[in-house]
Amino acid sequence: MSTPKASLFQDRPLAEVVAELAEEIRELYTADEVPWVVGYSGGKDSTAVLQLVWLALKDLPAVQRTKPVHVISTDTLVENPVVSAWVSQSLDRMGIAAQEQGLPIESHKLIPDIKDTFWVNLIGRGYPAPRPKFRWCTERLKIKPSNSFIRRVVRRHGEAILVLGIRKAESQARARAMARHEKRRVRDRLSPNGNLPNSLVYSPIEAWSTEEVWAFLMQYPNPWGHKNKDLLTMYQGASDDSECPLVVDNTTPSCGDSRFGCWTCTLVEQDKSMTAMIRNDDEKQWMRPLLKLRNELDDVSKESQTRDFRRMNGNVQLFGDRPIPGPYKQSAREDWLRKLLNAQSQVRKKAPEHVRDIELISMAELHEIRRIWVFEKHEVEDSLPQIYEETTGEQFPGPALDEQLVLGAEEIGLLKEACEDDPIHFSMTRELLAIERKYRTMSRRAGLFEALEKAIKKGYYEDAEDALQFAKKLQSLRDSSPTQLKLDEETATNAPS
C-alpha cells in the first residue's frame, strides 16, 4: 500500500488557506499602481488563479479598486475546438459579470498576426509540421501575441505584474525554474521575468497540488458564472489533467498532449486528450476528421515525396551525407489545403450547434496563402481559388488577380510541355517569367537582377541526386580549402550542371 501524499495545505481547512491567500492578493494589489495581467487558458489552474483574484477584489472597497486587471487568453486559431468554445464563452461572461459587479477586470482574446498563423506558415510558406528541433509554432502563435500585449501595458504604465497559474507540481522542470526565480524575488512574492523587462510574475497557487486545485474549484462557485463542474466534466473526458499556461518564453514545454493544446500539434507522439474525448463521448465523434488530419501531419514516412530537397533559400544543406529536407512542395501544400477544407466541411455537418460555424482556416488566412503562393513563390497558375471551389462547392470570394501576374491553365500546360515535364526547370522558368512580369511595369527596377540570379540558382540542379553531389562537393571544398570554396561559389552559377 502506497503512502498517501502529504497535503501542501498542511491539513489546514481550505477556507483558511483561501482567506489567507485572498488577503495576500489584496495587499499586493493595493501596494502600488502597477496593472495586473492574468493569464487565462480556461483550464483548472488558470481558472483557480482568476477566481482567487476575483474573490479578493470583491472584498475590497470600491474606492480601492483603482487599477485594471487584464485577463488575457491566447487563441492560436488551432486550439482544441471544444476548449476554444469554452474559453470564448467564459471570456464573454467574464466581461459582463465584471461590469455588473463593479470590478476593474477586462478580458482580452489575443490571436497571432495573419502572417504568423499555423496554416499560413505550413500551407502558405511550406514550413513542415513542427518538430521538437524545429518548433517554429510556439513563438509565432503564443509568445508573440501575449508578449505584444504585455509590452503595450508596460509602455503605457511603465511596469506590469503577470499573475499566472503555474505550479511546482506540474513538472520537475517547472519546479526548478520557479526555484531559480524565487532567489531573485522582490516585494515578497513577485519574481522577475527574464524575457520581458519591467514585468514581474506572481504565482499564487505555486505550492498547490492538483487535488487542492480541484478542491478549491468544487467548493467555491465560479464568480463569473461559468460552472466549474462543467470544467471537471471536460477534464474527465480526456486522459490527463495538464493544460497550456500563458506562454511568454521558449522554456514552457509543449502542451500538445493535453486538452488545452493545439489540435494540430505534432510535438508529441499522439493527441491523447482528443483521442480520449472521441473515445469517451459519442457527442465528440464530429472531431474525428481533425484527429485524422493531425495524424497525417505527424506522419513522416512520405516526407521524401512531400518535401523539397532544397531549403527555403534554394540551397542544399547536408546532415552527414544526407540532404536535410526543405519546405513542402507545391503539390503537398495544395493537398494539405484540400484536406483541411474537406475536414472543415465534414465537421460543420456533424458538429453540435454551438460549434457548427467552426472555422479551421479563416478567409483572411486563405487570402494570405494565395498572396504568398502567387507573389512570393511565383506559382502564377493561382490554384487556390480553384481548390477552394472544388472542395467547398462555393465560389472563392476573393478578387481576381492582375492578369499580368498570373497564367491560365493553357499557358501553364504549354510551359510544362516546353520544359519537357521537368519539375525543376518548369518551376525555375515559371519563376523567371513571374519576375519579369512583376518588374515590367515598374519605373524603377532595382533588385531585378538579384531576383533573377536567385531563381536561376534555385533551378541550377538537374535533379535531387545532382543537387546532393554538388552539396557534397562544396562540403568537401569547405573542409579542405576555404579559398577554393570561395572561388567555386563565385563561378557556380555559370558552371555546367
Protein backbone atom coordinates (compact mmCIF):
# COMPACT_ATOMS: atom_id res chain seq x y z
CA MET A 1 0.00 0.00 0.00
CA SER A 2 1.43 3.37 -1.03
CA THR A 3 1.96 6.14 1.45
CA PRO A 4 -0.52 8.98 0.97
CA LYS A 5 0.96 12.24 -0.30
CA ALA A 6 1.33 14.92 2.37
CA SER A 7 -1.03 17.81 1.80
CA LEU A 8 0.57 21.10 0.80
CA PHE A 9 -2.20 22.74 2.81
CA GLN A 10 -0.67 21.05 5.91
CA ASP A 11 -4.09 19.79 6.98
CA ARG A 12 -5.46 23.31 7.34
CA PRO A 13 -9.08 23.96 6.35
CA LEU A 14 -9.50 25.09 2.75
CA ALA A 15 -11.40 28.19 3.83
CA GLU A 16 -8.44 29.29 5.97
CA VAL A 17 -5.97 28.86 3.13
CA VAL A 18 -8.20 30.74 0.68
CA ALA A 19 -8.81 33.59 3.14
CA GLU A 20 -5.08 33.95 3.78
CA LEU A 21 -4.26 33.96 0.07
CA ALA A 22 -7.05 36.43 -0.70
CA GLU A 23 -5.61 38.81 1.89
CA GLU A 24 -2.18 38.48 0.29
CA ILE A 25 -3.68 39.27 -3.13
CA ARG A 26 -5.41 42.36 -1.74
CA GLU A 27 -2.18 43.59 -0.13
CA LEU A 28 -0.24 43.16 -3.38
CA TYR A 29 -2.99 44.75 -5.44
CA THR A 30 -3.25 47.87 -3.27
CA ALA A 31 0.50 48.24 -2.73
CA ASP A 32 1.10 50.20 -5.96
CA GLU A 33 -0.42 51.40 -9.21
CA VAL A 34 1.11 48.68 -11.42
CA PRO A 35 -1.60 46.99 -13.56
CA TRP A 36 -2.08 43.23 -13.47
CA VAL A 37 -2.22 40.83 -16.40
CA VAL A 38 -3.79 37.45 -15.59
CA GLY A 39 -3.07 34.58 -17.97
CA TYR A 40 -6.22 32.54 -18.64
CA SER A 41 -6.41 29.34 -20.70
CA GLY A 42 -9.79 28.13 -19.45
CA GLY A 43 -8.17 25.20 -17.61
CA LYS A 44 -8.21 24.36 -13.94
CA ASP A 45 -5.06 26.22 -12.83
CA SER A 46 -5.74 29.50 -14.62
CA THR A 47 -9.39 29.33 -13.54
CA ALA A 48 -8.35 28.84 -9.90
CA VAL A 49 -5.97 31.81 -10.02
CA LEU A 50 -8.51 34.11 -11.64
CA GLN A 51 -11.18 33.05 -9.13
CA LEU A 52 -8.83 33.90 -6.26
CA VAL A 53 -8.09 37.32 -7.72
CA TRP A 54 -11.79 37.92 -8.44
CA LEU A 55 -12.89 36.93 -4.92
CA ALA A 56 -10.14 39.02 -3.32
CA LEU A 57 -11.08 42.15 -5.28
CA LYS A 58 -14.79 41.75 -4.49
CA ASP A 59 -13.99 42.22 -0.82
CA LEU A 60 -12.12 45.46 -1.42
CA PRO A 61 -13.98 48.78 -1.04
CA ALA A 62 -14.88 50.24 -4.43
CA VAL A 63 -12.51 53.20 -3.88
CA GLN A 64 -9.55 50.80 -3.65
CA ARG A 65 -10.26 49.03 -6.94
CA THR A 66 -8.20 51.61 -8.75
CA LYS A 67 -6.05 49.74 -11.25
CA PRO A 68 -7.04 47.47 -14.12
CA VAL A 69 -6.75 43.70 -14.16
CA HIS A 70 -6.36 42.46 -17.73
CA VAL A 71 -7.34 38.83 -18.34
CA ILE A 72 -5.65 37.60 -21.50
CA SER A 73 -6.25 34.37 -23.37
CA THR A 74 -4.20 33.48 -26.45
CA ASP A 75 -6.15 31.71 -29.19
CA THR A 76 -3.69 30.08 -31.60
CA LEU A 77 -6.59 29.58 -34.08
CA VAL A 78 -5.84 25.85 -33.99
CA GLU A 79 -6.99 25.23 -30.42
CA ASN A 80 -8.95 22.13 -29.50
CA PRO A 81 -12.40 23.36 -30.65
CA VAL A 82 -14.19 22.13 -27.52
CA VAL A 83 -11.90 24.14 -25.30
CA SER A 84 -11.85 27.10 -27.68
CA ALA A 85 -15.64 27.36 -27.44
CA TRP A 86 -15.43 27.01 -23.64
CA VAL A 87 -12.86 29.81 -23.34
CA SER A 88 -14.75 32.17 -25.68
CA GLN A 89 -17.97 31.73 -23.71
CA SER A 90 -16.09 32.23 -20.45
CA LEU A 91 -14.46 35.46 -21.64
CA ASP A 92 -17.82 36.83 -22.75
CA ARG A 93 -19.43 36.04 -19.39
CA MET A 94 -16.41 37.44 -17.60
CA GLY A 95 -16.81 40.86 -19.20
CA ILE A 96 -20.50 41.04 -18.35
CA ALA A 97 -20.06 39.82 -14.76
CA ALA A 98 -17.15 42.18 -14.03
CA GLN A 99 -19.21 45.15 -15.19
CA GLU A 100 -22.23 44.07 -13.14
CA GLN A 101 -20.09 43.55 -10.02
CA GLY A 102 -18.14 46.79 -10.43
CA LEU A 103 -14.76 45.11 -10.82
CA PRO A 104 -11.90 46.58 -12.91
CA ILE A 105 -11.45 43.29 -14.79
CA GLU A 106 -11.17 43.36 -18.59
CA SER A 107 -10.98 40.23 -20.76
CA HIS A 108 -8.94 40.09 -23.96
CA LYS A 109 -8.79 37.34 -26.58
CA LEU A 110 -5.43 37.50 -28.36
CA ILE A 111 -4.68 35.95 -31.73
CA PRO A 112 -1.48 35.78 -33.81
CA ASP A 113 -0.91 38.09 -36.76
CA ILE A 114 -2.10 36.62 -40.07
CA LYS A 115 1.49 36.22 -41.26
CA ASP A 116 2.25 34.13 -38.16
CA THR A 117 -0.71 31.71 -38.13
CA PHE A 118 -0.22 27.96 -38.32
CA TRP A 119 -1.79 27.42 -41.74
CA VAL A 120 -0.22 30.47 -43.37
CA ASN A 121 3.20 29.11 -42.46
CA LEU A 122 2.50 25.42 -43.17
CA ILE A 123 0.30 25.67 -46.27
CA GLY A 124 1.43 29.09 -47.43
CA ARG A 125 5.17 29.09 -46.89
CA GLY A 126 5.59 25.33 -46.73
CA TYR A 127 7.01 25.02 -43.23
CA PRO A 128 6.94 21.33 -42.28
CA ALA A 129 4.78 20.22 -39.36
CA PRO A 130 6.53 21.32 -36.14
CA ARG A 131 9.08 19.02 -34.51
CA PRO A 132 10.99 19.33 -31.22
CA LYS A 133 14.09 20.52 -33.14
CA PHE A 134 12.06 22.85 -35.38
CA ARG A 135 9.40 24.22 -33.07
CA TRP A 136 8.50 27.20 -35.20
CA CYS A 137 4.92 27.42 -33.95
CA THR A 138 5.28 28.42 -30.28
CA GLU A 139 6.99 31.75 -30.89
CA ARG A 140 4.53 32.81 -33.59
CA LEU A 141 1.26 31.50 -32.17
CA LYS A 142 1.66 32.02 -28.42
CA ILE A 143 4.67 34.03 -27.32
CA LYS A 144 4.36 36.97 -29.72
CA PRO A 145 0.65 37.73 -29.10
CA SER A 146 0.92 37.61 -25.30
CA ASN A 147 4.26 39.44 -25.17
CA SER A 148 2.98 42.15 -27.51
CA PHE A 149 0.02 42.78 -25.20
CA ILE A 150 2.21 42.84 -22.09
CA ARG A 151 4.67 45.22 -23.73
CA ARG A 152 1.82 47.59 -24.59
CA VAL A 153 0.77 47.59 -20.94
CA VAL A 154 4.37 48.24 -19.88
CA ARG A 155 4.73 51.11 -22.37
CA ARG A 156 1.54 52.70 -21.07
CA HIS A 157 2.18 52.23 -17.33
CA GLY A 158 5.93 51.63 -17.06
CA GLU A 159 5.53 48.20 -15.45
CA ALA A 160 3.21 45.18 -15.30
CA ILE A 161 2.61 42.25 -12.94
CA LEU A 162 1.78 38.90 -14.55
CA VAL A 163 -0.47 36.64 -12.48
CA LEU A 164 -0.02 33.06 -13.66
CA GLY A 165 -1.41 29.67 -12.71
CA ILE A 166 1.94 27.91 -12.73
CA ARG A 167 2.61 25.24 -10.11
CA LYS A 168 5.72 23.42 -8.96
CA ALA A 169 3.82 20.14 -9.01
CA GLU A 170 3.33 20.40 -12.79
CA SER A 171 6.79 19.02 -13.54
CA GLN A 172 10.33 18.83 -12.20
CA ALA A 173 11.49 21.29 -14.86
CA ARG A 174 8.81 23.77 -13.80
CA ALA A 175 9.76 23.38 -10.13
CA ARG A 176 13.45 24.01 -10.90
CA ALA A 177 12.66 27.09 -12.97
CA MET A 178 10.42 28.53 -10.28
CA ALA A 179 13.03 27.82 -7.60
CA ARG A 180 15.60 29.81 -9.58
CA HIS A 181 13.27 32.79 -9.83
CA GLU A 182 12.42 32.61 -6.11
CA LYS A 183 16.00 33.57 -5.25
CA ARG A 184 15.59 36.87 -7.09
CA ARG A 185 12.18 37.78 -5.74
CA VAL A 186 11.15 41.32 -4.88
CA ARG A 187 8.13 42.61 -2.99
CA ASP A 188 7.88 39.24 -1.19
CA ARG A 189 6.04 37.09 -3.76
CA LEU A 190 6.95 38.71 -7.08
CA SER A 191 9.60 37.12 -9.30
CA PRO A 192 11.41 38.86 -12.18
CA ASN A 193 10.51 37.96 -15.74
CA GLY A 194 13.73 37.33 -17.63
CA ASN A 195 12.15 37.73 -21.06
CA LEU A 196 10.03 40.83 -20.55
CA PRO A 197 11.71 43.88 -18.98
CA ASN A 198 9.74 45.79 -16.35
CA SER A 199 7.39 42.89 -15.69
CA LEU A 200 7.11 40.75 -12.57
CA VAL A 201 5.46 37.36 -12.07
CA TYR A 202 3.08 36.45 -9.25
CA SER A 203 2.13 32.75 -8.93
CA PRO A 204 -0.34 32.47 -6.02
CA ILE A 205 -1.02 28.70 -6.32
CA GLU A 206 2.58 27.65 -6.98
CA ALA A 207 2.59 25.25 -4.00
CA TRP A 208 -0.83 23.71 -4.63
CA SER A 209 -1.28 20.11 -5.74
CA THR A 210 -3.73 19.06 -8.45
CA GLU A 211 -6.09 17.71 -5.79
CA GLU A 212 -6.06 21.02 -3.94
CA VAL A 213 -6.83 22.97 -7.12
CA TRP A 214 -9.87 20.80 -7.76
CA ALA A 215 -10.95 21.01 -4.10
CA PHE A 216 -11.00 24.80 -4.38
CA LEU A 217 -12.86 24.81 -7.69
CA MET A 218 -15.52 22.38 -6.48
CA GLN A 219 -16.16 24.18 -3.18
CA TYR A 220 -16.05 27.79 -4.43
CA PRO A 221 -18.56 28.75 -7.15
CA ASN A 222 -17.19 30.41 -10.25
CA PRO A 223 -17.82 34.16 -9.71
CA TRP A 224 -18.39 34.97 -13.39
CA GLY A 225 -20.98 32.23 -13.81
CA HIS A 226 -19.08 29.57 -15.77
CA LYS A 227 -19.76 26.30 -13.97
CA ASN A 228 -16.68 24.56 -12.61
CA LYS A 229 -18.49 21.21 -12.63
CA ASP A 230 -18.69 21.51 -16.40
CA LEU A 231 -14.95 22.13 -16.41
CA LEU A 232 -14.41 18.97 -14.36
CA THR A 233 -16.58 17.02 -16.80
CA MET A 234 -14.43 18.24 -19.67
CA TYR A 235 -11.30 17.06 -17.85
CA GLN A 236 -12.87 13.69 -17.06
CA GLY A 237 -13.50 13.19 -20.76
CA ALA A 238 -9.77 13.17 -21.50
CA SER A 239 -6.78 11.21 -20.29
CA ASP A 240 -4.69 13.64 -18.26
CA ASP A 241 -5.04 16.86 -16.30
CA SER A 242 -2.44 19.14 -17.81
CA GLU A 243 -3.10 22.40 -19.58
CA CYS A 244 -1.31 25.10 -21.53
CA PRO A 245 -0.37 28.06 -19.32
CA LEU A 246 0.22 31.55 -20.65
CA VAL A 247 3.36 31.14 -22.76
CA VAL A 248 5.77 34.07 -22.61
CA ASP A 249 9.06 32.30 -23.40
CA ASN A 250 10.51 29.17 -25.04
CA THR A 251 11.09 27.33 -21.75
CA THR A 252 7.44 26.31 -21.46
CA PRO A 253 7.13 22.68 -22.58
CA SER A 254 4.77 21.58 -25.32
CA CYS A 255 1.21 21.06 -24.15
CA GLY A 256 0.03 19.28 -27.27
CA ASP A 257 -0.96 16.10 -25.43
CA SER A 258 -3.31 17.98 -23.09
CA ARG A 259 -6.83 19.08 -23.84
CA PHE A 260 -5.67 22.68 -23.77
CA GLY A 261 -3.23 22.35 -26.63
CA CYS A 262 -3.49 22.78 -30.38
CA TRP A 263 -5.32 20.04 -32.27
CA THR A 264 -2.61 20.21 -34.95
CA CYS A 265 0.25 19.65 -32.51
CA THR A 266 2.94 17.26 -33.76
CA LEU A 267 5.38 17.96 -30.94
CA VAL A 268 4.04 14.91 -29.11
CA GLU A 269 3.59 11.32 -30.27
CA GLN A 270 -0.20 11.45 -30.13
CA ASP A 271 -3.03 13.74 -29.11
CA LYS A 272 -4.14 11.75 -26.07
CA SER A 273 -6.84 14.17 -25.00
CA MET A 274 -8.69 14.45 -28.31
CA THR A 275 -8.42 10.69 -28.77
CA ALA A 276 -9.92 10.19 -25.31
CA MET A 277 -12.67 12.74 -25.93
CA ILE A 278 -13.72 10.91 -29.08
CA ARG A 279 -13.48 7.50 -27.40
CA ASN A 280 -15.36 8.51 -24.24
CA ASP A 281 -18.13 10.68 -25.66
CA ASP A 282 -20.38 9.84 -28.61
CA GLU A 283 -21.16 13.55 -28.97
CA LYS A 284 -17.49 14.23 -29.78
CA GLN A 285 -17.38 11.96 -32.85
CA TRP A 286 -17.51 15.02 -35.08
CA MET A 287 -13.85 15.70 -34.17
CA ARG A 288 -12.62 12.57 -35.96
CA PRO A 289 -11.66 14.48 -39.16
CA LEU A 290 -9.43 16.74 -37.04
CA LEU A 291 -7.68 13.82 -35.39
CA LYS A 292 -7.21 12.13 -38.77
CA LEU A 293 -5.65 15.26 -40.29
CA ARG A 294 -3.45 15.78 -37.24
CA ASN A 295 -2.13 12.21 -37.53
CA GLU A 296 -1.42 12.72 -41.23
CA LEU A 297 0.60 15.84 -40.38
CA ASP A 298 2.56 13.72 -37.91
CA ASP A 299 3.37 11.02 -40.48
CA VAL A 300 6.96 11.45 -41.67
CA SER A 301 7.03 8.34 -43.87
CA LYS A 302 6.08 10.29 -47.02
CA GLU A 303 8.32 13.31 -46.49
CA SER A 304 10.67 12.29 -49.29
CA GLN A 305 7.74 12.82 -51.68
CA THR A 306 6.13 15.84 -49.99
CA ARG A 307 9.18 17.98 -49.16
CA ASP A 308 11.69 19.69 -51.44
CA PHE A 309 15.31 18.56 -51.39
CA ARG A 310 16.27 22.26 -51.23
CA ARG A 311 15.91 24.59 -48.29
CA MET A 312 13.67 27.66 -48.45
CA ASN A 313 16.51 29.74 -49.97
CA GLY A 314 17.24 27.14 -52.64
CA ASN A 315 20.41 25.77 -51.06
CA VAL A 316 21.02 22.11 -50.26
CA GLN A 317 22.05 21.53 -46.65
CA LEU A 318 23.63 18.29 -45.54
CA PHE A 319 23.35 16.28 -42.34
CA GLY A 320 26.26 13.89 -42.67
CA ASP A 321 25.94 12.64 -46.23
CA ARG A 322 22.17 13.15 -46.47
CA PRO A 323 20.30 16.31 -47.55
CA ILE A 324 18.06 17.93 -44.92
CA PRO A 325 14.52 18.12 -46.35
CA GLY A 326 13.23 21.59 -47.09
CA PRO A 327 9.70 23.05 -47.24
CA TYR A 328 6.64 21.24 -48.54
CA LYS A 329 6.44 21.12 -52.32
CA GLN A 330 3.66 22.93 -54.14
CA SER A 331 1.73 19.70 -54.69
CA ALA A 332 1.92 18.85 -50.98
CA ARG A 333 0.77 22.31 -49.91
CA GLU A 334 -2.16 22.13 -52.28
CA ASP A 335 -3.01 18.68 -50.90
CA TRP A 336 -2.90 19.94 -47.29
CA LEU A 337 -5.30 22.74 -48.25
CA ARG A 338 -7.75 20.27 -49.81
CA LYS A 339 -7.62 18.03 -46.75
CA LEU A 340 -8.13 20.96 -44.39
CA LEU A 341 -11.12 22.35 -46.31
CA ASN A 342 -12.63 18.87 -46.55
CA ALA A 343 -12.20 18.39 -42.79
CA GLN A 344 -13.87 21.75 -42.19
CA SER A 345 -16.85 20.76 -44.34
CA GLN A 346 -17.23 17.40 -42.56
CA VAL A 347 -17.03 18.98 -39.11
CA ARG A 348 -19.61 21.64 -39.94
CA LYS A 349 -22.08 18.95 -40.99
CA LYS A 350 -21.74 16.88 -37.83
CA ALA A 351 -20.74 19.29 -35.04
CA PRO A 352 -23.26 20.44 -32.38
CA GLU A 353 -24.91 23.77 -32.87
CA HIS A 354 -22.58 25.81 -30.60
CA VAL A 355 -19.52 24.91 -32.74
CA ARG A 356 -21.22 24.31 -36.09
CA ASP A 357 -19.79 27.50 -37.58
CA ILE A 358 -16.27 26.32 -36.71
CA GLU A 359 -13.57 27.88 -38.86
CA LEU A 360 -10.49 25.67 -39.20
CA ILE A 361 -8.96 28.23 -41.54
CA SER A 362 -10.16 31.81 -41.89
CA MET A 363 -10.80 33.66 -45.11
CA ALA A 364 -8.06 36.12 -44.15
CA GLU A 365 -5.60 33.20 -43.95
CA LEU A 366 -6.73 31.92 -47.35
CA HIS A 367 -6.12 35.33 -48.90
CA GLU A 368 -2.64 35.49 -47.33
CA ILE A 369 -1.80 31.97 -48.54
CA ARG A 370 -2.92 32.92 -52.03
CA ARG A 371 -0.72 36.02 -51.93
CA ILE A 372 2.31 34.00 -50.82
CA TRP A 373 1.78 31.35 -53.48
CA VAL A 374 1.45 33.84 -56.34
CA PHE A 375 3.74 36.71 -55.35
CA GLU A 376 6.41 35.11 -53.17
CA LYS A 377 6.58 31.58 -54.56
CA HIS A 378 5.69 32.70 -58.09
CA GLU A 379 3.11 29.94 -58.53
CA VAL A 380 1.41 32.03 -61.16
CA GLU A 381 -1.28 29.48 -62.02
CA ASP A 382 -3.10 30.83 -58.92
CA SER A 383 -4.55 27.46 -57.92
CA LEU A 384 -6.10 28.39 -54.55
CA PRO A 385 -9.49 29.67 -55.81
CA GLN A 386 -9.97 26.50 -57.87
CA ILE A 387 -9.06 24.25 -54.91
CA TYR A 388 -11.48 26.17 -52.70
CA GLU A 389 -14.33 25.84 -55.19
CA GLU A 390 -13.67 22.13 -55.80
CA THR A 391 -13.64 21.22 -52.10
CA THR A 392 -16.38 23.51 -50.76
CA GLY A 393 -18.69 23.79 -53.75
CA GLU A 394 -18.66 27.57 -53.28
CA GLN A 395 -17.05 30.32 -55.32
CA PHE A 396 -13.92 31.76 -53.75
CA PRO A 397 -14.85 35.27 -52.53
CA GLY A 398 -11.51 36.83 -53.38
CA PRO A 399 -10.87 39.38 -56.13
CA ALA A 400 -9.35 38.36 -59.44
CA LEU A 401 -5.60 38.95 -59.58
CA ASP A 402 -3.91 41.14 -62.17
CA GLU A 403 -3.85 39.19 -65.43
CA GLN A 404 -0.30 40.43 -65.95
CA LEU A 405 0.82 38.38 -62.92
CA VAL A 406 -0.92 35.04 -63.45
CA LEU A 407 -1.00 32.42 -66.18
CA GLY A 408 -4.03 30.44 -67.33
CA ALA A 409 -4.27 26.65 -67.46
CA GLU A 410 -3.49 26.59 -71.20
CA GLU A 411 -0.37 28.70 -70.77
CA ILE A 412 0.81 26.56 -67.84
CA GLY A 413 0.30 23.44 -69.96
CA LEU A 414 2.40 24.89 -72.79
CA LEU A 415 5.12 25.88 -70.33
CA LYS A 416 5.27 22.36 -68.87
CA GLU A 417 5.44 20.94 -72.38
CA ALA A 418 8.28 23.29 -73.29
CA CYS A 419 10.14 22.17 -70.14
CA GLU A 420 9.52 18.53 -71.08
CA ASP A 421 7.75 18.00 -67.75
CA ASP A 422 11.00 18.59 -65.84
CA PRO A 423 9.68 19.94 -62.49
CA ILE A 424 12.86 21.80 -61.56
CA HIS A 425 13.24 23.55 -64.90
CA PHE A 426 9.49 24.24 -65.02
CA SER A 427 9.49 25.94 -61.60
CA MET A 428 12.62 27.94 -62.50
CA THR A 429 11.20 29.10 -65.83
CA ARG A 430 7.86 29.94 -64.22
CA GLU A 431 9.63 32.00 -61.57
CA LEU A 432 11.73 33.82 -64.15
CA LEU A 433 8.59 34.70 -66.10
CA ALA A 434 6.85 35.88 -62.94
CA ILE A 435 9.80 38.09 -62.00
CA GLU A 436 9.92 39.59 -65.49
CA ARG A 437 6.18 40.29 -65.50
CA LYS A 438 6.39 41.81 -62.00
CA TYR A 439 9.17 44.24 -62.92
CA ARG A 440 7.80 45.02 -66.39
CA THR A 441 5.60 47.91 -65.30
CA MET A 442 7.97 49.30 -62.67
CA SER A 443 9.60 52.63 -63.38
CA ARG A 444 12.50 51.69 -61.11
CA ARG A 445 13.68 48.10 -61.42
CA ALA A 446 16.17 47.89 -58.57
CA GLY A 447 16.54 44.29 -57.44
CA LEU A 448 15.61 42.71 -60.78
CA PHE A 449 18.97 41.08 -61.45
CA GLU A 450 19.26 39.81 -57.88
CA ALA A 451 15.81 38.21 -58.17
CA LEU A 452 16.70 36.59 -61.50
CA GLU A 453 20.00 35.30 -60.12
CA LYS A 454 18.28 33.79 -57.08
CA ALA A 455 15.75 31.99 -59.31
CA ILE A 456 18.49 30.57 -61.54
CA LYS A 457 20.48 29.32 -58.55
CA LYS A 458 17.42 27.50 -57.20
CA GLY A 459 16.93 25.76 -60.55
CA TYR A 460 20.60 25.05 -61.11
CA TYR A 461 20.30 21.29 -60.50
CA GLU A 462 19.23 18.53 -62.87
CA ASP A 463 17.58 16.56 -60.07
CA ALA A 464 17.86 15.74 -56.36
CA GLU A 465 20.85 13.44 -56.91
CA ASP A 466 22.69 16.15 -58.84
CA ALA A 467 21.98 18.59 -56.01
CA LEU A 468 23.27 16.09 -53.44
CA GLN A 469 26.55 15.56 -55.31
CA PHE A 470 27.02 19.31 -55.73
CA ALA A 471 26.43 19.88 -51.98
CA LYS A 472 28.94 17.14 -51.14
CA LYS A 473 31.50 18.77 -53.42
CA LEU A 474 31.03 22.14 -51.71
CA GLN A 475 31.26 20.50 -48.29
CA SER A 476 34.49 18.77 -49.28
CA LEU A 477 35.96 22.04 -50.53
CA ARG A 478 34.81 23.79 -47.36
CA ASP A 479 36.63 21.23 -45.26
CA SER A 480 39.83 21.26 -47.33
CA SER A 481 40.22 24.71 -48.82
CA PRO A 482 38.08 27.73 -47.82
CA THR A 483 39.80 29.84 -50.51
CA GLN A 484 38.98 27.37 -53.27
CA LEU A 485 35.40 27.16 -51.99
CA LYS A 486 35.00 30.93 -52.39
CA LEU A 487 36.26 30.80 -55.97
CA ASP A 488 33.99 27.85 -56.73
CA GLU A 489 30.93 29.59 -55.32
CA GLU A 490 31.66 32.72 -57.38
CA THR A 491 31.62 30.71 -60.60
CA ALA A 492 28.96 28.14 -59.60
CA THR A 493 26.12 29.93 -61.36
CA ASN A 494 27.86 29.75 -64.73
CA ALA A 495 29.34 26.28 -64.31
CA PRO A 496 27.74 23.36 -66.20
CA SER A 497 25.47 21.14 -64.08
